[in-house]
Amino acid sequence: MVAQNSEGTSYGEDKAASTTPSAFLTEEVPVLLNGEASSLHTIATPKTELRCGAASFLGSLEYEEVETFSLTPAYSSCVLEAFGIEFATSVKAGGCVLEFGASGTLSIGGEGCAGDPISYTATFFTAKCTITIGPQALEGVGYENQGEGEERAIVISHEATGLTYTAAGTLCPESGTFNTGIYSGASVLGALNEFEEPRGFWAG
């Protein structure tokens, strides 16, 4: 889906939908879930766009079949574009985790997320723009299996619209709380046992 801002300019990227499984499975437990971005991860709003060139995700599974799993994200090589200018920024996950559901859901949550949300800040001399993203439930996730046997992994693609965020600071093109964000990206997520050997992880 591609959205438009008030001036009619498109933002966000159109991504093809993948399969909607009933569960996620692994051939062995416990396992560590380890993911890496396979595309840019972006948060687009009508006035700004965050672009991260790299991202990693960590989680774990205690059961061989689950309907949801949670990942702790870490983003790097990020810039925030505002007013047509790119500002280097770092993204802090705070106390938040990303919970992916087999039905295509993406929830931002975690015990500490409300008090310590996801945040990123752009700075230009004394001017700043800080964007924070707290707990919420979204949709727009697809899953695709790749590999065979113990090398099986899941490609997660998402374009989650309706993201609620708060922008504050004199460098922000707009300040306030809005629900017009789009979180897009793709990652490959695999499973490792305690010896760091790959174990099959797939959507079925």
N, C-alpha and C. Protein backbone atom coordinates (compact mmCIF):
# COMPACT_ATOMS: atom_id res chain seq x y z
N MET A 1 0.84 -1.19 0.00
CA MET A 1 0.00 0.00 0.00
C MET A 1 0.87 1.23 0.00
N VAL A 2 0.52 2.23 -0.80
CA VAL A 2 1.22 3.49 -0.84
C VAL A 2 0.25 4.56 -0.38
N ALA A 3 0.64 5.34 0.66
CA ALA A 3 -0.21 6.39 1.18
C ALA A 3 0.22 7.72 0.60
N GLN A 4 -0.62 8.74 0.80
CA GLN A 4 -0.30 10.07 0.31
C GLN A 4 -0.47 11.07 1.44
N ASN A 5 0.38 12.10 1.44
CA ASN A 5 0.22 13.15 2.43
C ASN A 5 -0.77 14.19 1.93
N SER A 6 -0.92 15.28 2.70
CA SER A 6 -1.93 16.29 2.36
C SER A 6 -1.63 17.00 1.05
N GLU A 7 -0.36 16.98 0.63
CA GLU A 7 -0.02 17.61 -0.66
C GLU A 7 -0.14 16.65 -1.83
N GLY A 8 -0.53 15.39 -1.54
CA GLY A 8 -0.70 14.41 -2.60
C GLY A 8 0.55 13.66 -2.95
N THR A 9 1.61 13.83 -2.14
CA THR A 9 2.87 13.13 -2.40
C THR A 9 2.84 11.75 -1.78
N SER A 10 3.23 10.74 -2.52
CA SER A 10 3.21 9.37 -2.02
C SER A 10 4.36 9.14 -1.06
N TYR A 11 4.12 8.32 -0.06
CA TYR A 11 5.17 7.90 0.85
C TYR A 11 4.89 6.47 1.27
N GLY A 12 5.97 5.75 1.68
CA GLY A 12 5.84 4.32 1.93
C GLY A 12 6.07 3.56 0.64
N GLU A 13 6.33 2.25 0.73
CA GLU A 13 6.58 1.44 -0.45
C GLU A 13 5.54 0.35 -0.56
N ASP A 14 5.18 0.02 -1.79
CA ASP A 14 4.23 -1.05 -2.02
C ASP A 14 4.95 -2.38 -1.95
N LYS A 15 4.51 -3.28 -1.05
CA LYS A 15 5.16 -4.56 -0.88
C LYS A 15 4.16 -5.69 -1.12
N ALA A 16 4.57 -6.70 -1.85
CA ALA A 16 3.68 -7.81 -2.16
C ALA A 16 3.39 -8.62 -0.90
N ALA A 17 2.16 -9.06 -0.76
CA ALA A 17 1.76 -9.84 0.40
C ALA A 17 2.31 -11.25 0.28
N SER A 18 2.68 -11.84 1.42
CA SER A 18 3.14 -13.21 1.46
C SER A 18 2.04 -14.07 2.06
N THR A 19 2.39 -15.30 2.44
CA THR A 19 1.39 -16.22 2.95
C THR A 19 0.96 -15.83 4.36
N THR A 20 -0.24 -16.27 4.74
CA THR A 20 -0.75 -16.10 6.09
C THR A 20 -0.85 -17.47 6.72
N PRO A 21 0.14 -17.86 7.54
CA PRO A 21 0.16 -19.20 8.12
C PRO A 21 -0.77 -19.29 9.32
N SER A 22 -0.90 -20.48 9.87
CA SER A 22 -1.68 -20.68 11.09
C SER A 22 -0.77 -20.73 12.31
N ALA A 23 0.54 -21.01 12.11
CA ALA A 23 1.47 -21.11 13.23
C ALA A 23 2.90 -21.03 12.72
N PHE A 24 3.83 -20.86 13.67
CA PHE A 24 5.26 -20.92 13.39
C PHE A 24 5.82 -22.17 14.07
N LEU A 25 6.69 -22.89 13.36
CA LEU A 25 7.18 -24.16 13.87
C LEU A 25 8.69 -24.23 13.82
N THR A 26 9.26 -24.99 14.75
CA THR A 26 10.68 -25.28 14.76
C THR A 26 10.88 -26.75 15.11
N GLU A 27 11.95 -27.34 14.61
CA GLU A 27 12.15 -28.77 14.81
C GLU A 27 12.78 -29.11 16.15
N GLU A 28 13.15 -28.10 16.92
CA GLU A 28 13.82 -28.35 18.19
C GLU A 28 13.61 -27.16 19.11
N VAL A 29 13.49 -27.37 20.40
CA VAL A 29 13.43 -26.30 21.39
C VAL A 29 14.31 -26.68 22.58
N PRO A 30 14.83 -25.67 23.27
CA PRO A 30 14.68 -24.24 22.99
C PRO A 30 15.61 -23.81 21.86
N VAL A 31 15.23 -22.71 21.20
CA VAL A 31 16.08 -22.14 20.15
C VAL A 31 16.14 -20.62 20.32
N LEU A 32 17.23 -20.08 19.80
CA LEU A 32 17.39 -18.63 19.71
C LEU A 32 16.94 -18.19 18.32
N LEU A 33 16.09 -17.18 18.26
CA LEU A 33 15.70 -16.59 16.98
C LEU A 33 16.64 -15.45 16.66
N ASN A 34 17.19 -15.46 15.46
CA ASN A 34 18.20 -14.49 15.07
C ASN A 34 17.87 -13.98 13.67
N GLY A 35 17.60 -12.69 13.55
CA GLY A 35 17.19 -12.13 12.28
C GLY A 35 18.04 -10.96 11.84
N GLU A 36 18.11 -10.76 10.52
CA GLU A 36 18.82 -9.63 9.94
C GLU A 36 17.95 -9.01 8.86
N ALA A 37 18.02 -7.69 8.74
CA ALA A 37 17.25 -7.00 7.71
C ALA A 37 17.74 -7.42 6.33
N SER A 38 16.79 -7.62 5.41
CA SER A 38 17.12 -7.91 4.02
C SER A 38 16.72 -6.76 3.10
N SER A 39 16.24 -5.66 3.69
CA SER A 39 15.92 -4.45 2.95
C SER A 39 16.03 -3.28 3.92
N LEU A 40 15.91 -2.07 3.41
CA LEU A 40 15.81 -0.92 4.30
C LEU A 40 14.62 -1.08 5.23
N HIS A 41 14.77 -0.67 6.48
CA HIS A 41 13.64 -0.56 7.38
C HIS A 41 13.31 0.92 7.51
N THR A 42 12.07 1.27 7.23
CA THR A 42 11.68 2.67 7.19
C THR A 42 10.43 2.92 8.03
N ILE A 43 10.38 4.13 8.57
CA ILE A 43 9.15 4.63 9.19
C ILE A 43 8.82 5.93 8.48
N ALA A 44 7.80 5.89 7.65
CA ALA A 44 7.42 7.04 6.84
C ALA A 44 6.21 7.72 7.44
N THR A 45 6.26 9.04 7.47
CA THR A 45 5.11 9.86 7.86
C THR A 45 4.90 10.88 6.75
N PRO A 46 3.80 11.63 6.78
CA PRO A 46 3.61 12.62 5.73
C PRO A 46 4.70 13.68 5.65
N LYS A 47 5.45 13.89 6.74
CA LYS A 47 6.44 14.97 6.77
C LYS A 47 7.87 14.50 6.97
N THR A 48 8.08 13.28 7.41
CA THR A 48 9.44 12.78 7.67
C THR A 48 9.56 11.33 7.20
N GLU A 49 10.80 10.87 7.08
CA GLU A 49 11.03 9.45 6.83
C GLU A 49 12.31 9.02 7.51
N LEU A 50 12.20 8.00 8.36
CA LEU A 50 13.35 7.35 8.96
C LEU A 50 13.76 6.19 8.07
N ARG A 51 15.07 6.10 7.75
CA ARG A 51 15.58 4.99 6.95
C ARG A 51 16.78 4.39 7.67
N CYS A 52 16.71 3.10 7.91
CA CYS A 52 17.81 2.39 8.57
C CYS A 52 18.37 1.34 7.63
N GLY A 53 19.67 1.43 7.38
CA GLY A 53 20.30 0.51 6.44
C GLY A 53 20.56 -0.86 7.00
N ALA A 54 20.50 -1.00 8.32
CA ALA A 54 20.75 -2.30 8.94
C ALA A 54 19.85 -2.46 10.16
N ALA A 55 19.48 -3.69 10.43
CA ALA A 55 18.67 -3.99 11.61
C ALA A 55 18.87 -5.46 11.97
N SER A 56 18.87 -5.74 13.25
CA SER A 56 18.96 -7.12 13.72
C SER A 56 17.87 -7.36 14.76
N PHE A 57 17.52 -8.64 14.92
CA PHE A 57 16.40 -8.99 15.79
C PHE A 57 16.74 -10.27 16.56
N LEU A 58 16.47 -10.27 17.85
CA LEU A 58 16.75 -11.42 18.69
C LEU A 58 15.50 -11.83 19.48
N GLY A 59 15.31 -13.14 19.59
CA GLY A 59 14.20 -13.67 20.37
C GLY A 59 14.49 -15.11 20.74
N SER A 60 13.50 -15.81 21.25
CA SER A 60 13.67 -17.22 21.61
C SER A 60 12.33 -17.92 21.54
N LEU A 61 12.40 -19.24 21.42
CA LEU A 61 11.20 -20.08 21.43
C LEU A 61 11.40 -21.21 22.41
N GLU A 62 10.35 -21.46 23.21
CA GLU A 62 10.37 -22.56 24.17
C GLU A 62 9.44 -23.70 23.75
N TYR A 63 8.63 -23.45 22.70
CA TYR A 63 7.68 -24.46 22.22
C TYR A 63 7.88 -24.67 20.73
N GLU A 64 7.61 -25.89 20.27
CA GLU A 64 7.84 -26.23 18.86
C GLU A 64 6.81 -25.61 17.93
N GLU A 65 5.67 -25.22 18.43
CA GLU A 65 4.64 -24.60 17.61
C GLU A 65 4.01 -23.44 18.38
N VAL A 66 4.03 -22.25 17.79
CA VAL A 66 3.48 -21.07 18.44
C VAL A 66 2.72 -20.24 17.40
N GLU A 67 1.84 -19.39 17.88
CA GLU A 67 1.11 -18.49 16.99
C GLU A 67 1.71 -17.09 16.97
N THR A 68 2.56 -16.77 17.96
CA THR A 68 3.24 -15.48 18.01
C THR A 68 4.67 -15.69 18.50
N PHE A 69 5.53 -14.74 18.18
CA PHE A 69 6.87 -14.70 18.76
C PHE A 69 7.28 -13.24 18.90
N SER A 70 8.17 -12.98 19.86
CA SER A 70 8.61 -11.61 20.14
C SER A 70 10.08 -11.45 19.83
N LEU A 71 10.44 -10.30 19.30
CA LEU A 71 11.81 -9.99 18.93
C LEU A 71 12.22 -8.64 19.49
N THR A 72 13.45 -8.56 19.98
CA THR A 72 14.02 -7.28 20.39
C THR A 72 14.78 -6.70 19.21
N PRO A 73 14.40 -5.51 18.74
CA PRO A 73 15.05 -4.94 17.55
C PRO A 73 16.26 -4.09 17.90
N ALA A 74 17.20 -4.00 16.96
CA ALA A 74 18.33 -3.08 17.05
C ALA A 74 18.57 -2.52 15.66
N TYR A 75 18.50 -1.20 15.52
CA TYR A 75 18.64 -0.56 14.21
C TYR A 75 19.94 0.24 14.16
N SER A 76 20.55 0.31 12.97
CA SER A 76 21.78 1.08 12.79
C SER A 76 21.82 1.66 11.38
N SER A 77 22.82 2.54 11.17
CA SER A 77 22.97 3.23 9.88
C SER A 77 21.67 3.94 9.49
N CYS A 78 21.18 4.76 10.41
CA CYS A 78 19.87 5.41 10.23
C CYS A 78 20.00 6.90 9.94
N VAL A 79 19.10 7.39 9.12
CA VAL A 79 18.95 8.83 8.87
C VAL A 79 17.48 9.19 8.97
N LEU A 80 17.22 10.41 9.42
CA LEU A 80 15.86 10.94 9.44
C LEU A 80 15.81 12.09 8.45
N GLU A 81 14.94 11.96 7.45
CA GLU A 81 14.78 13.01 6.46
C GLU A 81 13.61 13.92 6.84
N ALA A 82 13.88 15.22 6.90
CA ALA A 82 12.86 16.23 7.17
C ALA A 82 13.24 17.49 6.40
N PHE A 83 12.27 18.17 5.83
CA PHE A 83 12.51 19.37 5.03
C PHE A 83 13.43 19.07 3.85
N GLY A 84 13.49 17.81 3.40
CA GLY A 84 14.35 17.44 2.30
C GLY A 84 15.81 17.28 2.69
N ILE A 85 16.12 17.31 4.00
CA ILE A 85 17.49 17.20 4.49
C ILE A 85 17.60 15.92 5.31
N GLU A 86 18.71 15.18 5.14
CA GLU A 86 18.94 13.97 5.91
C GLU A 86 19.78 14.28 7.15
N PHE A 87 19.27 13.87 8.30
CA PHE A 87 19.97 14.04 9.57
C PHE A 87 20.33 12.66 10.11
N ALA A 88 21.60 12.48 10.48
CA ALA A 88 21.99 11.21 11.09
C ALA A 88 21.27 11.04 12.42
N THR A 89 20.83 9.84 12.71
CA THR A 89 20.12 9.60 13.97
C THR A 89 20.36 8.17 14.41
N SER A 90 20.09 7.91 15.66
CA SER A 90 20.15 6.55 16.18
C SER A 90 18.78 6.22 16.76
N VAL A 91 18.39 4.97 16.58
CA VAL A 91 17.09 4.51 17.06
C VAL A 91 17.29 3.73 18.35
N LYS A 92 16.56 4.10 19.38
CA LYS A 92 16.60 3.40 20.66
C LYS A 92 15.32 2.59 20.81
N ALA A 93 15.47 1.28 21.02
CA ALA A 93 14.30 0.42 21.18
C ALA A 93 13.64 0.59 22.54
N GLY A 94 14.36 1.17 23.50
CA GLY A 94 13.80 1.37 24.83
C GLY A 94 13.43 0.04 25.47
N GLY A 95 12.26 0.01 26.06
CA GLY A 95 11.78 -1.23 26.68
C GLY A 95 10.82 -2.00 25.80
N CYS A 96 10.90 -1.78 24.49
CA CYS A 96 9.90 -2.34 23.58
C CYS A 96 10.41 -3.59 22.85
N VAL A 97 9.49 -4.47 22.56
CA VAL A 97 9.73 -5.62 21.68
C VAL A 97 8.69 -5.60 20.58
N LEU A 98 8.97 -6.31 19.50
CA LEU A 98 8.03 -6.47 18.40
C LEU A 98 7.46 -7.87 18.46
N GLU A 99 6.14 -7.98 18.53
CA GLU A 99 5.49 -9.29 18.55
C GLU A 99 4.80 -9.53 17.22
N PHE A 100 5.22 -10.60 16.54
CA PHE A 100 4.66 -10.95 15.24
C PHE A 100 3.67 -12.09 15.40
N GLY A 101 2.51 -11.95 14.76
CA GLY A 101 1.48 -12.97 14.84
C GLY A 101 1.26 -13.66 13.51
N ALA A 102 0.89 -14.95 13.57
CA ALA A 102 0.68 -15.72 12.34
C ALA A 102 -0.42 -15.13 11.47
N SER A 103 -1.37 -14.43 12.08
CA SER A 103 -2.47 -13.85 11.32
C SER A 103 -2.09 -12.57 10.60
N GLY A 104 -0.81 -12.17 10.70
CA GLY A 104 -0.36 -10.97 10.00
C GLY A 104 -0.29 -9.74 10.88
N THR A 105 -0.32 -9.93 12.20
CA THR A 105 -0.29 -8.80 13.12
C THR A 105 1.13 -8.46 13.54
N LEU A 106 1.32 -7.22 13.92
CA LEU A 106 2.57 -6.73 14.48
C LEU A 106 2.23 -5.84 15.65
N SER A 107 2.59 -6.26 16.85
CA SER A 107 2.32 -5.48 18.05
C SER A 107 3.62 -4.94 18.61
N ILE A 108 3.62 -3.67 18.98
CA ILE A 108 4.74 -3.07 19.68
C ILE A 108 4.37 -3.06 21.15
N GLY A 109 5.17 -3.73 21.99
CA GLY A 109 4.81 -3.84 23.39
C GLY A 109 6.00 -4.21 24.24
N GLY A 110 5.73 -4.87 25.34
CA GLY A 110 6.77 -5.19 26.31
C GLY A 110 6.47 -4.49 27.62
N GLU A 111 6.94 -5.07 28.72
CA GLU A 111 6.62 -4.55 30.03
C GLU A 111 7.07 -3.10 30.22
N GLY A 112 8.20 -2.73 29.62
CA GLY A 112 8.71 -1.38 29.83
C GLY A 112 8.44 -0.41 28.70
N CYS A 113 7.65 -0.83 27.70
CA CYS A 113 7.50 -0.03 26.49
C CYS A 113 6.75 1.28 26.72
N ALA A 114 5.73 1.26 27.57
CA ALA A 114 4.94 2.48 27.80
C ALA A 114 5.79 3.58 28.42
N GLY A 115 6.66 3.22 29.36
CA GLY A 115 7.50 4.21 30.01
C GLY A 115 8.80 4.50 29.29
N ASP A 116 9.20 3.60 28.40
CA ASP A 116 10.46 3.74 27.66
C ASP A 116 10.22 3.32 26.22
N PRO A 117 9.53 4.17 25.42
CA PRO A 117 9.14 3.78 24.07
C PRO A 117 10.30 3.81 23.09
N ILE A 118 10.05 3.29 21.89
CA ILE A 118 10.99 3.44 20.78
C ILE A 118 11.14 4.93 20.48
N SER A 119 12.38 5.39 20.23
CA SER A 119 12.57 6.81 19.97
C SER A 119 13.76 7.04 19.04
N TYR A 120 13.71 8.15 18.33
CA TYR A 120 14.85 8.61 17.54
C TYR A 120 14.80 10.12 17.44
N THR A 121 15.99 10.74 17.39
CA THR A 121 16.11 12.20 17.45
C THR A 121 17.03 12.70 16.36
N ALA A 122 16.61 13.76 15.69
CA ALA A 122 17.47 14.49 14.76
C ALA A 122 17.85 15.81 15.41
N THR A 123 19.12 16.22 15.22
CA THR A 123 19.61 17.45 15.84
C THR A 123 20.30 18.32 14.80
N PHE A 124 20.01 19.63 14.85
CA PHE A 124 20.67 20.61 13.99
C PHE A 124 20.97 21.82 14.86
N PHE A 125 22.24 21.98 15.24
CA PHE A 125 22.65 22.98 16.22
C PHE A 125 21.83 22.78 17.49
N THR A 126 21.02 23.76 17.88
CA THR A 126 20.23 23.61 19.11
C THR A 126 18.82 23.08 18.85
N ALA A 127 18.46 22.95 17.59
CA ALA A 127 17.11 22.48 17.25
C ALA A 127 17.08 20.95 17.24
N LYS A 128 15.99 20.38 17.72
CA LYS A 128 15.84 18.93 17.76
C LYS A 128 14.44 18.52 17.32
N CYS A 129 14.37 17.30 16.84
CA CYS A 129 13.08 16.65 16.57
C CYS A 129 13.18 15.24 17.11
N THR A 130 12.34 14.92 18.08
CA THR A 130 12.31 13.58 18.66
C THR A 130 10.97 12.93 18.35
N ILE A 131 11.02 11.72 17.83
CA ILE A 131 9.82 10.96 17.53
C ILE A 131 9.80 9.73 18.43
N THR A 132 8.70 9.51 19.11
CA THR A 132 8.55 8.36 20.00
C THR A 132 7.38 7.50 19.53
N ILE A 133 7.52 6.19 19.74
CA ILE A 133 6.52 5.21 19.31
C ILE A 133 6.28 4.25 20.46
N GLY A 134 5.08 4.27 21.00
CA GLY A 134 4.75 3.46 22.15
C GLY A 134 3.95 2.22 21.79
N PRO A 135 3.40 1.54 22.80
CA PRO A 135 2.66 0.30 22.57
C PRO A 135 1.46 0.49 21.66
N GLN A 136 1.27 -0.47 20.75
CA GLN A 136 0.13 -0.43 19.83
C GLN A 136 0.07 -1.73 19.04
N ALA A 137 -1.08 -1.95 18.43
CA ALA A 137 -1.29 -3.15 17.61
C ALA A 137 -1.49 -2.73 16.16
N LEU A 138 -0.77 -3.40 15.25
CA LEU A 138 -0.81 -3.09 13.83
C LEU A 138 -1.04 -4.36 13.03
N GLU A 139 -1.24 -4.19 11.73
CA GLU A 139 -1.38 -5.31 10.81
C GLU A 139 -0.53 -5.03 9.58
N GLY A 140 -0.50 -5.99 8.65
CA GLY A 140 0.22 -5.79 7.40
C GLY A 140 1.51 -6.56 7.28
N VAL A 141 1.57 -7.76 7.91
CA VAL A 141 2.78 -8.57 7.89
C VAL A 141 2.54 -9.83 7.05
N GLY A 142 3.53 -10.21 6.24
CA GLY A 142 3.47 -11.44 5.47
C GLY A 142 4.70 -12.29 5.73
N TYR A 143 4.56 -13.60 5.53
CA TYR A 143 5.66 -14.53 5.81
C TYR A 143 5.89 -15.43 4.60
N GLU A 144 7.17 -15.71 4.34
CA GLU A 144 7.54 -16.60 3.24
C GLU A 144 8.67 -17.50 3.71
N ASN A 145 8.52 -18.80 3.51
CA ASN A 145 9.56 -19.75 3.91
C ASN A 145 10.66 -19.80 2.87
N GLN A 146 11.89 -19.99 3.33
CA GLN A 146 13.01 -20.19 2.42
C GLN A 146 13.94 -21.25 2.99
N GLY A 147 14.68 -21.92 2.11
CA GLY A 147 15.62 -22.93 2.53
C GLY A 147 14.97 -24.28 2.76
N GLU A 148 15.80 -25.26 3.12
CA GLU A 148 15.33 -26.63 3.35
C GLU A 148 15.95 -27.18 4.62
N GLY A 149 15.27 -28.15 5.23
CA GLY A 149 15.80 -28.86 6.38
C GLY A 149 16.18 -27.93 7.51
N GLU A 150 17.37 -28.15 8.07
CA GLU A 150 17.82 -27.34 9.19
C GLU A 150 18.09 -25.90 8.81
N GLU A 151 18.19 -25.61 7.51
CA GLU A 151 18.47 -24.25 7.04
C GLU A 151 17.20 -23.45 6.79
N ARG A 152 16.04 -24.06 7.08
CA ARG A 152 14.79 -23.33 6.85
C ARG A 152 14.72 -22.06 7.69
N ALA A 153 14.22 -21.00 7.09
CA ALA A 153 14.07 -19.71 7.76
C ALA A 153 12.84 -19.02 7.21
N ILE A 154 12.45 -17.93 7.84
CA ILE A 154 11.26 -17.19 7.44
C ILE A 154 11.65 -15.79 6.99
N VAL A 155 11.18 -15.39 5.83
CA VAL A 155 11.30 -14.01 5.38
C VAL A 155 10.07 -13.26 5.87
N ILE A 156 10.27 -12.25 6.68
CA ILE A 156 9.18 -11.43 7.21
C ILE A 156 9.15 -10.12 6.43
N SER A 157 8.03 -9.84 5.79
CA SER A 157 7.85 -8.57 5.07
C SER A 157 6.66 -7.84 5.68
N HIS A 158 6.83 -6.56 5.91
CA HIS A 158 5.72 -5.82 6.52
C HIS A 158 5.62 -4.41 5.98
N GLU A 159 4.41 -3.95 5.91
CA GLU A 159 4.08 -2.56 5.63
C GLU A 159 2.90 -2.22 6.53
N ALA A 160 3.23 -1.93 7.77
CA ALA A 160 2.22 -1.72 8.81
C ALA A 160 1.78 -0.26 8.81
N THR A 161 0.56 -0.03 8.39
CA THR A 161 0.03 1.33 8.31
C THR A 161 -0.71 1.69 9.60
N GLY A 162 -0.99 2.98 9.75
CA GLY A 162 -1.71 3.45 10.93
C GLY A 162 -0.85 3.50 12.18
N LEU A 163 0.47 3.60 12.01
CA LEU A 163 1.39 3.65 13.14
C LEU A 163 1.20 4.96 13.90
N THR A 164 0.98 4.86 15.20
CA THR A 164 0.83 6.04 16.05
C THR A 164 2.19 6.48 16.57
N TYR A 165 2.49 7.76 16.46
CA TYR A 165 3.77 8.30 16.90
C TYR A 165 3.56 9.71 17.44
N THR A 166 4.50 10.17 18.24
CA THR A 166 4.49 11.54 18.77
C THR A 166 5.76 12.24 18.33
N ALA A 167 5.61 13.42 17.71
CA ALA A 167 6.75 14.23 17.26
C ALA A 167 6.81 15.48 18.12
N ALA A 168 8.02 15.78 18.63
CA ALA A 168 8.18 16.95 19.50
C ALA A 168 9.53 17.60 19.24
N GLY A 169 9.54 18.95 19.21
CA GLY A 169 10.79 19.68 19.02
C GLY A 169 10.68 20.68 17.89
N THR A 170 11.53 21.69 17.94
CA THR A 170 11.45 22.78 16.96
C THR A 170 11.91 22.36 15.57
N LEU A 171 12.64 21.25 15.46
CA LEU A 171 13.09 20.78 14.15
C LEU A 171 12.03 19.91 13.46
N CYS A 172 11.00 19.54 14.16
CA CYS A 172 9.95 18.69 13.56
C CYS A 172 9.08 19.51 12.60
N PRO A 173 8.80 18.99 11.42
CA PRO A 173 7.88 19.70 10.51
C PRO A 173 6.48 19.83 11.09
N GLU A 174 6.12 18.92 11.98
CA GLU A 174 4.83 18.98 12.67
C GLU A 174 5.03 18.38 14.05
N SER A 175 4.33 18.94 15.04
CA SER A 175 4.42 18.44 16.41
C SER A 175 3.06 17.96 16.86
N GLY A 176 3.06 16.90 17.66
CA GLY A 176 1.81 16.33 18.15
C GLY A 176 1.83 14.82 18.01
N THR A 177 0.69 14.22 18.25
CA THR A 177 0.53 12.78 18.13
C THR A 177 -0.35 12.46 16.93
N PHE A 178 0.11 11.55 16.09
CA PHE A 178 -0.56 11.24 14.83
C PHE A 178 -0.62 9.71 14.65
N ASN A 179 -1.50 9.25 13.79
CA ASN A 179 -1.59 7.81 13.49
C ASN A 179 -1.43 7.56 12.00
N THR A 180 -0.53 8.31 11.38
CA THR A 180 -0.35 8.25 9.92
C THR A 180 0.99 7.65 9.52
N GLY A 181 1.68 6.99 10.45
CA GLY A 181 2.97 6.40 10.12
C GLY A 181 2.86 5.06 9.42
N ILE A 182 3.90 4.69 8.70
CA ILE A 182 3.99 3.39 8.03
C ILE A 182 5.35 2.79 8.33
N TYR A 183 5.36 1.62 8.97
CA TYR A 183 6.61 0.92 9.27
C TYR A 183 6.78 -0.19 8.24
N SER A 184 7.82 -0.08 7.40
CA SER A 184 8.05 -1.03 6.31
C SER A 184 9.43 -1.65 6.41
N GLY A 185 9.54 -2.87 5.90
CA GLY A 185 10.84 -3.53 5.86
C GLY A 185 10.71 -5.01 5.61
N ALA A 186 11.83 -5.66 5.46
CA ALA A 186 11.87 -7.12 5.29
C ALA A 186 13.10 -7.64 6.02
N SER A 187 12.96 -8.84 6.59
CA SER A 187 14.05 -9.46 7.35
C SER A 187 14.00 -10.96 7.16
N VAL A 188 15.14 -11.60 7.34
CA VAL A 188 15.21 -13.06 7.33
C VAL A 188 15.47 -13.52 8.76
N LEU A 189 14.61 -14.41 9.25
CA LEU A 189 14.68 -14.86 10.64
C LEU A 189 14.89 -16.37 10.68
N GLY A 190 15.97 -16.78 11.35
CA GLY A 190 16.27 -18.20 11.50
C GLY A 190 16.36 -18.59 12.96
N ALA A 191 16.61 -19.89 13.21
CA ALA A 191 16.69 -20.42 14.57
C ALA A 191 18.02 -21.14 14.78
N LEU A 192 18.58 -20.99 15.98
CA LEU A 192 19.83 -21.64 16.35
C LEU A 192 19.64 -22.38 17.68
N ASN A 193 20.26 -23.55 17.80
CA ASN A 193 20.18 -24.25 19.08
C ASN A 193 21.28 -23.73 20.02
N GLU A 194 21.43 -24.37 21.18
CA GLU A 194 22.37 -23.89 22.18
C GLU A 194 23.82 -23.96 21.71
N PHE A 195 24.09 -24.76 20.69
CA PHE A 195 25.44 -24.87 20.14
C PHE A 195 25.63 -23.95 18.93
N GLU A 196 24.65 -23.05 18.71
CA GLU A 196 24.64 -22.12 17.59
C GLU A 196 24.58 -22.84 16.25
N GLU A 197 23.96 -24.02 16.23
CA GLU A 197 23.74 -24.75 15.00
C GLU A 197 22.34 -24.40 14.48
N PRO A 198 22.18 -24.23 13.16
CA PRO A 198 20.86 -23.88 12.61
C PRO A 198 19.86 -25.00 12.82
N ARG A 199 18.64 -24.61 13.12
CA ARG A 199 17.53 -25.54 13.24
C ARG A 199 16.36 -25.00 12.45
N GLY A 200 15.67 -25.87 11.75
CA GLY A 200 14.58 -25.45 10.87
C GLY A 200 13.54 -24.63 11.61
N PHE A 201 13.16 -23.50 10.99
CA PHE A 201 12.13 -22.59 11.53
C PHE A 201 11.29 -22.16 10.35
N TRP A 202 9.98 -22.40 10.40
CA TRP A 202 9.14 -22.12 9.25
C TRP A 202 7.73 -21.75 9.67
N ALA A 203 7.00 -21.16 8.72
CA ALA A 203 5.60 -20.80 8.90
C ALA A 203 4.74 -21.83 8.21
N GLY A 204 3.73 -22.37 8.91
CA GLY A 204 2.91 -23.43 8.33
C GLY A 204 1.47 -23.37 8.78
